Amino acid sequence: MDRGKLGDVVVGAVGDVAGSVVDPKAGLGRLRSVLTARGLVTLAVGALVGLLAARSMRRS
């Protein structure tokens, strides 16, 4: 993904989060339609790596 598209994705995600705060039901529906199995796995792996990195930094 090139940097121009990455910025568009980030702005879109921030907009979706802001919209979810205003209308949670519509936000959850939009989230369900966007999430795929690959996206869920990527999110889970990213969260796990972040957790492990935070724990290792905390111990040092």
PDB file of N, CA and C in Angstrom:
ATOM      1  N   MET A   1       0.846  -1.165   0.000  1.00  0.00           N
ATOM      2  CA  MET A   1       0.000   0.000   0.000  1.00  0.00           C
ATOM      3  C   MET A   1       0.898   1.237   0.000  1.00  0.00           C
ATOM      4  N   ASP A   2       0.627   2.154  -0.915  1.00  0.00           N
ATOM      5  CA  ASP A   2       1.448   3.358  -0.935  1.00  0.00           C
ATOM      6  C   ASP A   2       0.978   4.339   0.134  1.00  0.00           C
ATOM      7  N   ARG A   3       1.785   5.345   0.384  1.00  0.00           N
ATOM      8  CA  ARG A   3       1.515   6.254   1.504  1.00  0.00           C
ATOM      9  C   ARG A   3       0.254   7.083   1.312  1.00  0.00           C
ATOM     10  N   GLY A   4      -0.070   7.420   0.078  1.00  0.00           N
ATOM     11  CA  GLY A   4      -1.285   8.196  -0.169  1.00  0.00           C
ATOM     12  C   GLY A   4      -2.532   7.432   0.245  1.00  0.00           C
ATOM     13  N   LYS A   5      -2.565   6.165  -0.104  1.00  0.00           N
ATOM     14  CA  LYS A   5      -3.725   5.347   0.262  1.00  0.00           C
ATOM     15  C   LYS A   5      -3.755   5.065   1.752  1.00  0.00           C
ATOM     16  N   LEU A   6      -2.591   4.945   2.373  1.00  0.00           N
ATOM     17  CA  LEU A   6      -2.541   4.703   3.810  1.00  0.00           C
ATOM     18  C   LEU A   6      -3.175   5.867   4.559  1.00  0.00           C
ATOM     19  N   GLY A   7      -2.890   7.072   4.145  1.00  0.00           N
ATOM     20  CA  GLY A   7      -3.498   8.249   4.767  1.00  0.00           C
ATOM     21  C   GLY A   7      -5.008   8.250   4.612  1.00  0.00           C
ATOM     22  N   ASP A   8      -5.495   7.857   3.426  1.00  0.00           N
ATOM     23  CA  ASP A   8      -6.936   7.778   3.207  1.00  0.00           C
ATOM     24  C   ASP A   8      -7.575   6.737   4.115  1.00  0.00           C
ATOM     25  N   VAL A   9      -6.900   5.618   4.294  1.00  0.00           N
ATOM     26  CA  VAL A   9      -7.423   4.562   5.161  1.00  0.00           C
ATOM     27  C   VAL A   9      -7.483   5.041   6.606  1.00  0.00           C
ATOM     28  N   VAL A  10      -6.440   5.724   7.054  1.00  0.00           N
ATOM     29  CA  VAL A  10      -6.404   6.225   8.436  1.00  0.00           C
ATOM     30  C   VAL A  10      -7.509   7.247   8.656  1.00  0.00           C
ATOM     31  N   VAL A  11      -7.670   8.170   7.734  1.00  0.00           N
ATOM     32  CA  VAL A  11      -8.714   9.186   7.871  1.00  0.00           C
ATOM     33  C   VAL A  11     -10.090   8.536   7.855  1.00  0.00           C
ATOM     34  N   GLY A  12     -10.279   7.543   6.996  1.00  0.00           N
ATOM     35  CA  GLY A  12     -11.556   6.835   6.954  1.00  0.00           C
ATOM     36  C   GLY A  12     -11.842   6.101   8.248  1.00  0.00           C
ATOM     37  N   ALA A  13     -10.806   5.481   8.807  1.00  0.00           N
ATOM     38  CA  ALA A  13     -10.980   4.752  10.064  1.00  0.00           C
ATOM     39  C   ALA A  13     -11.330   5.700  11.200  1.00  0.00           C
ATOM     40  N   VAL A  14     -10.669   6.853  11.254  1.00  0.00           N
ATOM     41  CA  VAL A  14     -10.969   7.845  12.295  1.00  0.00           C
ATOM     42  C   VAL A  14     -12.394   8.349  12.133  1.00  0.00           C
ATOM     43  N   GLY A  15     -12.816   8.566  10.911  1.00  0.00           N
ATOM     44  CA  GLY A  15     -14.190   8.989  10.661  1.00  0.00           C
ATOM     45  C   GLY A  15     -15.200   7.937  11.091  1.00  0.00           C
ATOM     46  N   ASP A  16     -14.886   6.674  10.823  1.00  0.00           N
ATOM     47  CA  ASP A  16     -15.778   5.589  11.233  1.00  0.00           C
ATOM     48  C   ASP A  16     -15.878   5.502  12.750  1.00  0.00           C
ATOM     49  N   VAL A  17     -14.757   5.686  13.431  1.00  0.00           N
ATOM     50  CA  VAL A  17     -14.780   5.659  14.901  1.00  0.00           C
ATOM     51  C   VAL A  17     -15.610   6.812  15.431  1.00  0.00           C
ATOM     52  N   ALA A  18     -15.431   7.990  14.868  1.00  0.00           N
ATOM     53  CA  ALA A  18     -16.211   9.150  15.309  1.00  0.00           C
ATOM     54  C   ALA A  18     -17.701   8.932  15.039  1.00  0.00           C
ATOM     55  N   GLY A  19     -18.019   8.358  13.898  1.00  0.00           N
ATOM     56  CA  GLY A  19     -19.418   8.056  13.591  1.00  0.00           C
ATOM     57  C   GLY A  19     -19.990   7.010  14.519  1.00  0.00           C
ATOM     58  N   SER A  20     -19.172   6.072  14.939  1.00  0.00           N
ATOM     59  CA  SER A  20     -19.627   5.029  15.856  1.00  0.00           C
ATOM     60  C   SER A  20     -19.968   5.599  17.224  1.00  0.00           C
ATOM     61  N   VAL A  21     -19.275   6.649  17.613  1.00  0.00           N
ATOM     62  CA  VAL A  21     -19.573   7.294  18.897  1.00  0.00           C
ATOM     63  C   VAL A  21     -20.946   7.959  18.829  1.00  0.00           C
ATOM     64  N   VAL A  22     -21.239   8.564  17.690  1.00  0.00           N
ATOM     65  CA  VAL A  22     -22.515   9.259  17.528  1.00  0.00           C
ATOM     66  C   VAL A  22     -23.660   8.267  17.351  1.00  0.00           C
ATOM     67  N   ASP A  23     -23.459   7.225  16.516  1.00  0.00           N
ATOM     68  CA  ASP A  23     -24.502   6.237  16.251  1.00  0.00           C
ATOM     69  C   ASP A  23     -23.905   4.836  16.354  1.00  0.00           C
ATOM     70  N   PRO A  24     -23.857   4.273  17.559  1.00  0.00           N
ATOM     71  CA  PRO A  24     -23.188   2.987  17.762  1.00  0.00           C
ATOM     72  C   PRO A  24     -23.775   1.840  16.936  1.00  0.00           C
ATOM     73  N   LYS A  25     -25.076   1.816  16.733  1.00  0.00           N
ATOM     74  CA  LYS A  25     -25.691   0.725  15.977  1.00  0.00           C
ATOM     75  C   LYS A  25     -25.210   0.724  14.523  1.00  0.00           C
ATOM     76  N   ALA A  26     -25.187   1.872  13.904  1.00  0.00           N
ATOM     77  CA  ALA A  26     -24.702   1.973  12.522  1.00  0.00           C
ATOM     78  C   ALA A  26     -23.200   1.695  12.458  1.00  0.00           C
ATOM     79  N   GLY A  27     -22.471   2.135  13.468  1.00  0.00           N
ATOM     80  CA  GLY A  27     -21.020   1.899  13.498  1.00  0.00           C
ATOM     81  C   GLY A  27     -20.687   0.430  13.591  1.00  0.00           C
ATOM     82  N   LEU A  28     -21.418  -0.317  14.421  1.00  0.00           N
ATOM     83  CA  LEU A  28     -21.182  -1.753  14.530  1.00  0.00           C
ATOM     84  C   LEU A  28     -21.540  -2.474  13.236  1.00  0.00           C
ATOM     85  N   GLY A  29     -22.592  -2.043  12.589  1.00  0.00           N
ATOM     86  CA  GLY A  29     -22.958  -2.643  11.298  1.00  0.00           C
ATOM     87  C   GLY A  29     -21.890  -2.408  10.255  1.00  0.00           C
ATOM     88  N   ARG A  30     -21.330  -1.202  10.230  1.00  0.00           N
ATOM     89  CA  ARG A  30     -20.266  -0.881   9.277  1.00  0.00           C
ATOM     90  C   ARG A  30     -19.013  -1.689   9.594  1.00  0.00           C
ATOM     91  N   LEU A  31     -18.719  -1.849  10.873  1.00  0.00           N
ATOM     92  CA  LEU A  31     -17.546  -2.615  11.285  1.00  0.00           C
ATOM     93  C   LEU A  31     -17.680  -4.079  10.872  1.00  0.00           C
ATOM     94  N   ARG A  32     -18.856  -4.655  11.066  1.00  0.00           N
ATOM     95  CA  ARG A  32     -19.081  -6.049  10.682  1.00  0.00           C
ATOM     96  C   ARG A  32     -18.929  -6.250   9.189  1.00  0.00           C
ATOM     97  N   SER A  33     -19.368  -5.275   8.392  1.00  0.00           N
ATOM     98  CA  SER A  33     -19.277  -5.422   6.943  1.00  0.00           C
ATOM     99  C   SER A  33     -17.843  -5.291   6.442  1.00  0.00           C
ATOM    100  N   VAL A  34     -17.004  -4.587   7.171  1.00  0.00           N
ATOM    101  CA  VAL A  34     -15.623  -4.360   6.746  1.00  0.00           C
ATOM    102  C   VAL A  34     -14.703  -5.493   7.184  1.00  0.00           C
ATOM    103  N   LEU A  35     -14.955  -6.057   8.353  1.00  0.00           N
ATOM    104  CA  LEU A  35     -14.062  -7.070   8.890  1.00  0.00           C
ATOM    105  C   LEU A  35     -14.135  -8.366   8.091  1.00  0.00           C
ATOM    106  N   THR A  36     -12.985  -8.904   7.808  1.00  0.00           N
ATOM    107  CA  THR A  36     -12.878 -10.199   7.156  1.00  0.00           C
ATOM    108  C   THR A  36     -12.051 -11.102   8.064  1.00  0.00           C
ATOM    109  N   ALA A  37     -11.960 -12.357   7.704  1.00  0.00           N
ATOM    110  CA  ALA A  37     -11.147 -13.279   8.495  1.00  0.00           C
ATOM    111  C   ALA A  37      -9.693 -12.818   8.521  1.00  0.00           C
ATOM    112  N   ARG A  38      -9.194 -12.377   7.382  1.00  0.00           N
ATOM    113  CA  ARG A  38      -7.813 -11.899   7.312  1.00  0.00           C
ATOM    114  C   ARG A  38      -7.613 -10.671   8.190  1.00  0.00           C
ATOM    115  N   GLY A  39      -8.581  -9.783   8.187  1.00  0.00           N
ATOM    116  CA  GLY A  39      -8.495  -8.586   9.020  1.00  0.00           C
ATOM    117  C   GLY A  39      -8.512  -8.910  10.506  1.00  0.00           C
ATOM    118  N   LEU A  40      -9.357  -9.860  10.886  1.00  0.00           N
ATOM    119  CA  LEU A  40      -9.408 -10.255  12.286  1.00  0.00           C
ATOM    120  C   LEU A  40      -8.099 -10.888  12.743  1.00  0.00           C
ATOM    121  N   VAL A  41      -7.520 -11.735  11.896  1.00  0.00           N
ATOM    122  CA  VAL A  41      -6.248 -12.367  12.237  1.00  0.00           C
ATOM    123  C   VAL A  41      -5.156 -11.308  12.346  1.00  0.00           C
ATOM    124  N   THR A  42      -5.137 -10.375  11.414  1.00  0.00           N
ATOM    125  CA  THR A  42      -4.145  -9.301  11.446  1.00  0.00           C
ATOM    126  C   THR A  42      -4.303  -8.457  12.711  1.00  0.00           C
ATOM    127  N   LEU A  43      -5.527  -8.143  13.068  1.00  0.00           N
ATOM    128  CA  LEU A  43      -5.785  -7.366  14.276  1.00  0.00           C
ATOM    129  C   LEU A  43      -5.339  -8.120  15.524  1.00  0.00           C
ATOM    130  N   ALA A  44      -5.647  -9.413  15.580  1.00  0.00           N
ATOM    131  CA  ALA A  44      -5.265 -10.215  16.744  1.00  0.00           C
ATOM    132  C   ALA A  44      -3.750 -10.334  16.865  1.00  0.00           C
ATOM    133  N   VAL A  45      -3.076 -10.560  15.747  1.00  0.00           N
ATOM    134  CA  VAL A  45      -1.612 -10.667  15.773  1.00  0.00           C
ATOM    135  C   VAL A  45      -0.996  -9.331  16.172  1.00  0.00           C
ATOM    136  N   GLY A  46      -1.525  -8.241  15.645  1.00  0.00           N
ATOM    137  CA  GLY A  46      -1.013  -6.921  16.002  1.00  0.00           C
ATOM    138  C   GLY A  46      -1.195  -6.618  17.479  1.00  0.00           C
ATOM    139  N   ALA A  47      -2.352  -6.996  18.024  1.00  0.00           N
ATOM    140  CA  ALA A  47      -2.591  -6.776  19.449  1.00  0.00           C
ATOM    141  C   ALA A  47      -1.641  -7.621  20.299  1.00  0.00           C
ATOM    142  N   LEU A  48      -1.414  -8.861  19.885  1.00  0.00           N
ATOM    143  CA  LEU A  48      -0.505  -9.737  20.623  1.00  0.00           C
ATOM    144  C   LEU A  48       0.926  -9.211  20.587  1.00  0.00           C
ATOM    145  N   VAL A  49       1.379  -8.775  19.421  1.00  0.00           N
ATOM    146  CA  VAL A  49       2.736  -8.229  19.304  1.00  0.00           C
ATOM    147  C   VAL A  49       2.863  -6.966  20.153  1.00  0.00           C
ATOM    148  N   GLY A  50       1.845  -6.117  20.131  1.00  0.00           N
ATOM    149  CA  GLY A  50       1.875  -4.909  20.957  1.00  0.00           C
ATOM    150  C   GLY A  50       1.918  -5.226  22.435  1.00  0.00           C
ATOM    151  N   LEU A  51       1.149  -6.215  22.845  1.00  0.00           N
ATOM    152  CA  LEU A  51       1.145  -6.632  24.249  1.00  0.00           C
ATOM    153  C   LEU A  51       2.515  -7.152  24.668  1.00  0.00           C
ATOM    154  N   LEU A  52       3.086  -8.005  23.850  1.00  0.00           N
ATOM    155  CA  LEU A  52       4.404  -8.557  24.175  1.00  0.00           C
ATOM    156  C   LEU A  52       5.483  -7.478  24.199  1.00  0.00           C
ATOM    157  N   ALA A  53       5.414  -6.543  23.272  1.00  0.00           N
ATOM    158  CA  ALA A  53       6.389  -5.442  23.254  1.00  0.00           C
ATOM    159  C   ALA A  53       6.237  -4.571  24.498  1.00  0.00           C
ATOM    160  N   ALA A  54       5.011  -4.292  24.889  1.00  0.00           N
ATOM    161  CA  ALA A  54       4.781  -3.460  26.074  1.00  0.00           C
ATOM    162  C   ALA A  54       5.270  -4.172  27.338  1.00  0.00           C
ATOM    163  N   ARG A  55       5.038  -5.479  27.430  1.00  0.00           N
ATOM    164  CA  ARG A  55       5.495  -6.218  28.602  1.00  0.00           C
ATOM    165  C   ARG A  55       7.009  -6.263  28.680  1.00  0.00           C
ATOM    166  N   SER A  56       7.668  -6.438  27.519  1.00  0.00           N
ATOM    167  CA  SER A  56       9.136  -6.500  27.548  1.00  0.00           C
ATOM    168  C   SER A  56       9.741  -5.141  27.901  1.00  0.00           C
ATOM    169  N   MET A  57       9.110  -4.055  27.474  1.00  0.00           N
ATOM    170  CA  MET A  57       9.602  -2.718  27.801  1.00  0.00           C
ATOM    171  C   MET A  57       9.385  -2.420  29.283  1.00  0.00           C
ATOM    172  N   ARG A  58       8.298  -2.926  29.818  1.00  0.00           N
ATOM    173  CA  ARG A  58       7.974  -2.674  31.215  1.00  0.00           C
ATOM    174  C   ARG A  58       8.946  -3.372  32.142  1.00  0.00           C
ATOM    175  N   ARG A  59       9.401  -4.561  31.756  1.00  0.00           N
ATOM    176  CA  ARG A  59      10.310  -5.328  32.603  1.00  0.00           C
ATOM    177  C   ARG A  59      11.735  -4.792  32.587  1.00  0.00           C
ATOM    178  N   SER A  60      12.109  -4.067  31.535  1.00  0.00           N
ATOM    179  CA  SER A  60      13.505  -3.594  31.481  1.00  0.00           C
ATOM    180  C   SER A  60      13.712  -2.330  32.254  1.00  0.00           C
TER     181      SER A  60
END
